[in-house]
């Protein structure tokens, strides 16, 4: 992480992407085990911060750094940012994604620390064993977004495209 300007995220564990419907050598953070809090800014971005007493003390001193992740292979409408109004259905999409997170018992974040886009590492949220990147597209909350060379992607663009086609047809 150091060469990219990111601090090491404690508690990460090396995993194989294929175990999560992804590709490559990735890192995984179990949200509960590491006492992390996950928040969704919109339906394609999440932020991790320390929770509990340690996180509260760090927040008090302005030290509770957030780590931002873009969900790999998808795009969703943007919520209101500064002077830009929300795009159509952005608030509904963000609300649906937040509900998915809140109703999950076991949340994990799987990511590639070497792939960064717009200052965010690329990753996927795994909720109760289900990759939410695919689920967001299946439900029509987000669309698939192939970015860069598909061979280098940490997620299967073809599977996302098929999920999008089924969502659109439905």
Protein backbone atom coordinates (compact mmCIF):
# COMPACT_ATOMS: atom_id res chain seq x y z
CA UNK A 1 0.00 0.00 0.00
CA UNK A 2 2.83 2.41 0.83
CA UNK A 3 3.86 3.15 -2.75
CA UNK A 4 0.28 4.16 -3.64
CA UNK A 5 -0.14 6.56 -0.73
CA UNK A 6 -2.34 4.15 1.26
CA UNK A 7 -1.70 3.04 4.80
CA UNK A 8 -1.71 -0.64 5.58
CA UNK A 9 -5.20 -1.83 6.52
CA UNK A 10 -4.70 -4.03 9.59
CA UNK A 11 -6.47 -7.35 9.73
CA UNK A 12 -6.37 -8.13 6.01
CA UNK A 13 -5.86 -11.72 4.92
CA UNK A 14 -4.57 -12.98 1.56
CA UNK A 15 -7.22 -14.94 -0.40
CA UNK A 16 -7.77 -16.38 -3.84
CA UNK A 17 -10.28 -14.43 -5.90
CA UNK A 18 -12.02 -17.51 -7.34
CA UNK A 19 -13.37 -18.29 -3.86
CA UNK A 20 -15.45 -15.10 -4.13
CA UNK A 21 -16.48 -15.07 -7.79
CA UNK A 22 -13.43 -12.97 -8.60
CA UNK A 23 -9.90 -13.38 -9.99
CA UNK A 24 -6.35 -13.05 -8.78
CA UNK A 25 -4.55 -12.78 -5.49
CA UNK A 26 -6.69 -10.52 -3.33
CA UNK A 27 -7.01 -9.36 0.25
CA UNK A 28 -10.02 -9.94 2.50
CA UNK A 29 -11.23 -8.07 5.56
CA UNK A 30 -13.93 -9.56 7.77
CA UNK A 31 -15.89 -6.52 8.93
CA UNK A 32 -16.96 -7.90 12.34
CA UNK A 33 -13.69 -9.65 13.22
CA UNK A 34 -11.64 -6.53 12.69
CA UNK A 35 -14.20 -4.30 14.44
CA UNK A 36 -14.73 -2.30 11.27
CA UNK A 37 -17.73 -0.22 10.26
CA UNK A 38 -18.76 -0.22 6.63
CA UNK A 39 -20.81 2.56 5.08
CA UNK A 40 -22.15 2.94 1.57
CA UNK A 41 -21.90 6.37 0.02
CA UNK A 42 -23.86 5.25 -3.01
CA UNK A 43 -24.49 1.91 -4.69
CA UNK A 44 -20.93 1.53 -6.03
CA UNK A 45 -18.72 2.86 -3.23
CA UNK A 46 -18.10 1.74 0.35
CA UNK A 47 -15.90 3.13 3.10
CA UNK A 48 -14.32 1.25 6.01
CA UNK A 49 -13.50 2.86 9.36
CA UNK A 50 -12.61 1.42 12.72
CA UNK A 51 -15.58 0.90 15.01
CA UNK A 52 -15.96 0.44 18.75
CA UNK A 53 -14.04 2.27 21.45
CA UNK A 54 -10.80 2.45 19.47
CA UNK A 55 -12.61 3.98 16.50
CA UNK A 56 -14.44 6.46 18.75
CA UNK A 57 -11.21 7.62 20.38
CA UNK A 58 -9.50 7.89 17.00
CA UNK A 59 -12.45 9.86 15.62
CA UNK A 60 -12.31 12.23 18.60
CA UNK A 61 -8.68 13.04 17.74
CA UNK A 62 -9.37 13.17 14.00
CA UNK A 63 -7.36 10.01 13.34
CA UNK A 64 -10.05 7.57 12.19
CA UNK A 65 -9.01 7.37 8.55
CA UNK A 66 -11.54 5.96 6.14
CA UNK A 67 -10.54 3.55 3.39
CA UNK A 68 -12.66 3.96 0.27
CA UNK A 69 -13.42 1.14 -2.16
CA UNK A 70 -15.11 1.21 -5.55
CA UNK A 71 -17.12 -1.91 -6.29
CA UNK A 72 -15.37 -3.62 -9.20
CA UNK A 73 -17.09 -4.03 -12.54
CA UNK A 74 -20.18 -1.96 -11.91
CA UNK A 75 -21.51 1.57 -11.90
CA UNK A 76 -24.49 3.17 -10.24
CA UNK A 77 -26.15 6.53 -10.45
CA UNK A 78 -24.48 9.22 -8.34
CA UNK A 79 -26.02 10.74 -5.23
CA UNK A 80 -25.90 14.49 -4.65
CA UNK A 81 -22.33 15.83 -4.41
CA UNK A 82 -21.82 19.48 -3.53
CA UNK A 83 -23.57 21.56 -6.15
CA UNK A 84 -24.40 18.57 -8.40
CA UNK A 85 -27.89 17.15 -7.85
CA UNK A 86 -28.47 13.44 -7.50
CA UNK A 87 -28.87 11.49 -10.73
CA UNK A 88 -32.22 9.75 -11.34
CA UNK A 89 -32.82 6.83 -8.93
CA UNK A 90 -29.49 7.40 -7.14
CA UNK A 91 -31.05 7.73 -3.70
CA UNK A 92 -33.19 4.63 -4.24
CA UNK A 93 -30.14 2.64 -5.39
CA UNK A 94 -28.06 3.80 -2.41
CA UNK A 95 -30.92 3.00 -0.03
CA UNK A 96 -31.35 -0.50 -1.50
CA UNK A 97 -27.62 -1.20 -1.17
CA UNK A 98 -27.54 0.08 2.42
CA UNK A 99 -30.46 -2.23 3.23
CA UNK A 100 -28.55 -5.17 1.75
CA UNK A 101 -25.59 -4.35 4.00
CA UNK A 102 -27.75 -3.84 7.10
CA UNK A 103 -29.62 -7.13 6.66
CA UNK A 104 -26.45 -9.21 6.31
CA UNK A 105 -25.05 -11.15 9.24
CA UNK A 106 -21.51 -11.68 7.92
CA UNK A 107 -19.85 -8.99 5.80
CA UNK A 108 -16.45 -9.23 4.16
CA UNK A 109 -14.62 -6.93 1.81
CA UNK A 110 -12.43 -8.56 -0.85
CA UNK A 111 -10.15 -6.19 -2.72
CA UNK A 112 -7.04 -5.75 -4.83
CA UNK A 113 -4.73 -3.18 -3.22
CA UNK A 114 -2.86 -2.75 -6.52
CA UNK A 115 -5.91 -1.63 -8.52
CA UNK A 116 -6.97 1.91 -7.74
CA UNK A 117 -9.48 4.06 -9.63
CA UNK A 118 -10.37 7.64 -8.70
CA UNK A 119 -8.48 7.22 -5.41
CA UNK A 120 -10.39 4.10 -4.39
CA UNK A 121 -9.20 0.51 -4.32
CA UNK A 122 -11.31 -1.94 -6.34
CA UNK A 123 -13.18 -4.61 -4.46
CA UNK A 124 -16.38 -6.49 -3.72
CA UNK A 125 -18.61 -6.78 -0.69
CA UNK A 126 -19.39 -10.36 0.27
CA UNK A 127 -22.58 -10.63 2.35
CA UNK A 128 -23.39 -13.99 3.91
CA UNK A 129 -21.26 -15.67 1.23
CA UNK A 130 -22.85 -13.79 -1.70
CA UNK A 131 -20.89 -11.37 -3.87
CA UNK A 132 -23.00 -8.18 -3.77
CA UNK A 133 -21.34 -6.75 -6.88
CA UNK A 134 -23.18 -9.40 -8.92
CA UNK A 135 -26.34 -9.04 -6.82
CA UNK A 136 -26.51 -5.27 -7.35
CA UNK A 137 -26.41 -5.79 -11.11
CA UNK A 138 -28.88 -8.74 -10.97
CA UNK A 139 -31.38 -6.55 -9.13
CA UNK A 140 -30.95 -3.64 -11.57
CA UNK A 141 -29.52 -1.38 -8.84
CA UNK A 142 -26.28 -0.96 -10.80
CA UNK A 143 -25.08 -1.63 -14.33
CA UNK A 144 -21.99 -3.51 -15.35
CA UNK A 145 -19.04 -1.31 -16.23
CA UNK A 146 -16.13 -2.95 -18.02
CA UNK A 147 -13.06 -0.86 -17.29
CA UNK A 148 -9.66 -1.58 -18.82
CA UNK A 149 -8.49 -4.90 -20.17
CA UNK A 150 -10.94 -7.69 -19.19
CA UNK A 151 -8.01 -10.08 -18.64
CA UNK A 152 -6.68 -7.78 -15.90
CA UNK A 153 -10.05 -7.33 -14.18
CA UNK A 154 -10.60 -8.80 -10.73
CA UNK A 155 -14.23 -9.60 -11.62
CA UNK A 156 -15.82 -11.38 -14.60
CA UNK A 157 -17.25 -8.70 -16.88
CA UNK A 158 -19.12 -11.27 -19.00
CA UNK A 159 -20.99 -12.58 -15.95
CA UNK A 160 -21.90 -9.02 -14.96
CA UNK A 161 -23.06 -8.26 -18.50
CA UNK A 162 -25.26 -11.37 -18.48
CA UNK A 163 -26.72 -10.40 -15.10
CA UNK A 164 -27.45 -6.93 -16.47
CA UNK A 165 -29.17 -8.35 -19.55
CA UNK A 166 -31.39 -10.56 -17.36
CA UNK A 167 -32.21 -7.59 -15.09
CA UNK A 168 -33.05 -5.41 -18.08
CA UNK A 169 -35.26 -8.10 -19.61
CA UNK A 170 -37.04 -8.59 -16.25
